[in-house]
Amino acid sequence: MEFTLLFLATAIVMLVAWRGQRSLALGLFGAVLIACVATYLHHATDTLKLSF
């Protein structure tokens, strides 16, 4: 679910950048980038439950 929201947020940033509002697009890009890094770190720190 969070990956879908990140994808939609990225699409919104691209649409805003296309319309020509540079400062808003850069601000939204920064927010989406922070959200992507936070999502990555959340999943990268999960322990794997392996049973061999």
N, C-alpha and C. Protein backbone atom coordinates (compact mmCIF):
# COMPACT_ATOMS: atom_id res chain seq x y z
N MET A 1 0.82 -1.19 0.00
CA MET A 1 0.00 0.00 0.00
C MET A 1 0.87 1.26 0.00
N GLU A 2 1.92 1.24 0.83
CA GLU A 2 2.76 2.44 0.88
C GLU A 2 3.51 2.68 -0.42
N PHE A 3 3.81 1.58 -1.14
CA PHE A 3 4.50 1.74 -2.42
C PHE A 3 3.58 2.36 -3.47
N THR A 4 2.31 2.03 -3.40
CA THR A 4 1.33 2.65 -4.30
C THR A 4 1.23 4.14 -4.02
N LEU A 5 1.20 4.51 -2.75
CA LEU A 5 1.14 5.93 -2.39
C LEU A 5 2.40 6.67 -2.82
N LEU A 6 3.56 6.02 -2.68
CA LEU A 6 4.80 6.65 -3.13
C LEU A 6 4.80 6.84 -4.64
N PHE A 7 4.28 5.86 -5.37
CA PHE A 7 4.20 5.98 -6.82
C PHE A 7 3.27 7.11 -7.23
N LEU A 8 2.11 7.19 -6.59
CA LEU A 8 1.17 8.27 -6.90
C LEU A 8 1.74 9.64 -6.53
N ALA A 9 2.46 9.71 -5.42
CA ALA A 9 3.08 10.98 -5.03
C ALA A 9 4.15 11.39 -6.04
N THR A 10 4.90 10.42 -6.56
CA THR A 10 5.90 10.72 -7.58
C THR A 10 5.23 11.21 -8.86
N ALA A 11 4.12 10.59 -9.22
CA ALA A 11 3.38 11.03 -10.41
C ALA A 11 2.85 12.45 -10.23
N ILE A 12 2.39 12.77 -9.04
CA ILE A 12 1.91 14.13 -8.77
C ILE A 12 3.05 15.13 -8.88
N VAL A 13 4.22 14.77 -8.36
CA VAL A 13 5.39 15.65 -8.46
C VAL A 13 5.75 15.89 -9.92
N MET A 14 5.69 14.84 -10.74
CA MET A 14 6.01 15.01 -12.16
C MET A 14 5.00 15.92 -12.85
N LEU A 15 3.73 15.79 -12.49
CA LEU A 15 2.71 16.65 -13.09
C LEU A 15 2.89 18.10 -12.66
N VAL A 16 3.22 18.32 -11.40
CA VAL A 16 3.47 19.69 -10.92
C VAL A 16 4.68 20.28 -11.61
N ALA A 17 5.73 19.47 -11.78
CA ALA A 17 6.94 19.96 -12.46
C ALA A 17 6.65 20.28 -13.93
N TRP A 18 5.78 19.51 -14.54
CA TRP A 18 5.44 19.73 -15.94
C TRP A 18 4.66 21.02 -16.12
N ARG A 19 3.83 21.36 -15.12
CA ARG A 19 3.03 22.58 -15.20
C ARG A 19 3.88 23.84 -15.00
N GLY A 20 5.08 23.70 -14.48
CA GLY A 20 5.99 24.83 -14.43
C GLY A 20 6.18 25.48 -13.07
N GLN A 21 5.64 24.90 -12.01
CA GLN A 21 5.81 25.48 -10.67
C GLN A 21 7.04 24.82 -10.03
N ARG A 22 8.19 25.43 -10.28
CA ARG A 22 9.47 24.81 -9.90
C ARG A 22 9.64 24.67 -8.39
N SER A 23 9.35 25.70 -7.62
CA SER A 23 9.59 25.63 -6.18
C SER A 23 8.66 24.61 -5.51
N LEU A 24 7.42 24.55 -5.95
CA LEU A 24 6.50 23.57 -5.40
C LEU A 24 6.94 22.16 -5.77
N ALA A 25 7.37 21.98 -7.01
CA ALA A 25 7.83 20.66 -7.45
C ALA A 25 9.07 20.22 -6.67
N LEU A 26 10.00 21.13 -6.42
CA LEU A 26 11.19 20.78 -5.65
C LEU A 26 10.84 20.43 -4.21
N GLY A 27 9.93 21.17 -3.62
CA GLY A 27 9.49 20.86 -2.26
C GLY A 27 8.80 19.51 -2.16
N LEU A 28 7.93 19.23 -3.11
CA LEU A 28 7.25 17.93 -3.13
C LEU A 28 8.23 16.80 -3.40
N PHE A 29 9.19 17.05 -4.29
CA PHE A 29 10.20 16.04 -4.57
C PHE A 29 11.00 15.71 -3.32
N GLY A 30 11.37 16.73 -2.56
CA GLY A 30 12.10 16.50 -1.31
C GLY A 30 11.29 15.68 -0.33
N ALA A 31 9.99 15.98 -0.23
CA ALA A 31 9.12 15.23 0.68
C ALA A 31 8.98 13.77 0.24
N VAL A 32 8.83 13.55 -1.06
CA VAL A 32 8.70 12.18 -1.57
C VAL A 32 10.02 11.43 -1.39
N LEU A 33 11.13 12.11 -1.59
CA LEU A 33 12.43 11.47 -1.41
C LEU A 33 12.64 11.04 0.04
N ILE A 34 12.26 11.89 0.98
CA ILE A 34 12.37 11.54 2.40
C ILE A 34 11.45 10.37 2.73
N ALA A 35 10.24 10.36 2.15
CA ALA A 35 9.32 9.25 2.37
C ALA A 35 9.85 7.95 1.79
N CYS A 36 10.51 8.02 0.64
CA CYS A 36 11.10 6.82 0.03
C CYS A 36 12.24 6.27 0.90
N VAL A 37 13.08 7.14 1.40
CA VAL A 37 14.19 6.71 2.25
C VAL A 37 13.65 6.12 3.56
N ALA A 38 12.63 6.75 4.13
CA ALA A 38 12.03 6.24 5.36
C ALA A 38 11.40 4.87 5.14
N THR A 39 10.74 4.68 4.01
CA THR A 39 10.15 3.38 3.69
C THR A 39 11.22 2.33 3.50
N TYR A 40 12.29 2.70 2.81
CA TYR A 40 13.40 1.76 2.62
C TYR A 40 14.00 1.35 3.96
N LEU A 41 14.29 2.32 4.82
CA LEU A 41 14.90 2.00 6.10
C LEU A 41 13.96 1.18 6.98
N HIS A 42 12.66 1.43 6.87
CA HIS A 42 11.69 0.65 7.64
C HIS A 42 11.75 -0.82 7.23
N HIS A 43 11.83 -1.08 5.94
CA HIS A 43 11.85 -2.46 5.47
C HIS A 43 13.25 -3.07 5.53
N ALA A 44 14.29 -2.27 5.47
CA ALA A 44 15.65 -2.80 5.52
C ALA A 44 16.02 -3.28 6.92
N THR A 45 15.37 -2.76 7.94
CA THR A 45 15.71 -3.15 9.30
C THR A 45 14.84 -4.30 9.82
N ASP A 46 13.90 -4.79 9.01
CA ASP A 46 13.10 -5.94 9.42
C ASP A 46 13.97 -7.19 9.47
N THR A 47 13.74 -8.00 10.48
CA THR A 47 14.48 -9.26 10.55
C THR A 47 13.74 -10.31 9.73
N LEU A 48 14.51 -11.14 9.06
CA LEU A 48 13.92 -12.21 8.26
C LEU A 48 13.67 -13.41 9.15
N LYS A 49 12.48 -13.96 9.05
CA LYS A 49 12.13 -15.15 9.83
C LYS A 49 12.36 -16.38 8.96
N LEU A 50 13.57 -16.88 9.02
CA LEU A 50 13.93 -18.04 8.21
C LEU A 50 13.95 -19.28 9.09
N SER A 51 13.44 -20.36 8.56
CA SER A 51 13.49 -21.63 9.30
C SER A 51 14.06 -22.70 8.37
N PHE A 52 15.27 -23.06 8.64
CA PHE A 52 15.94 -24.08 7.81
C PHE A 52 15.91 -25.40 8.51
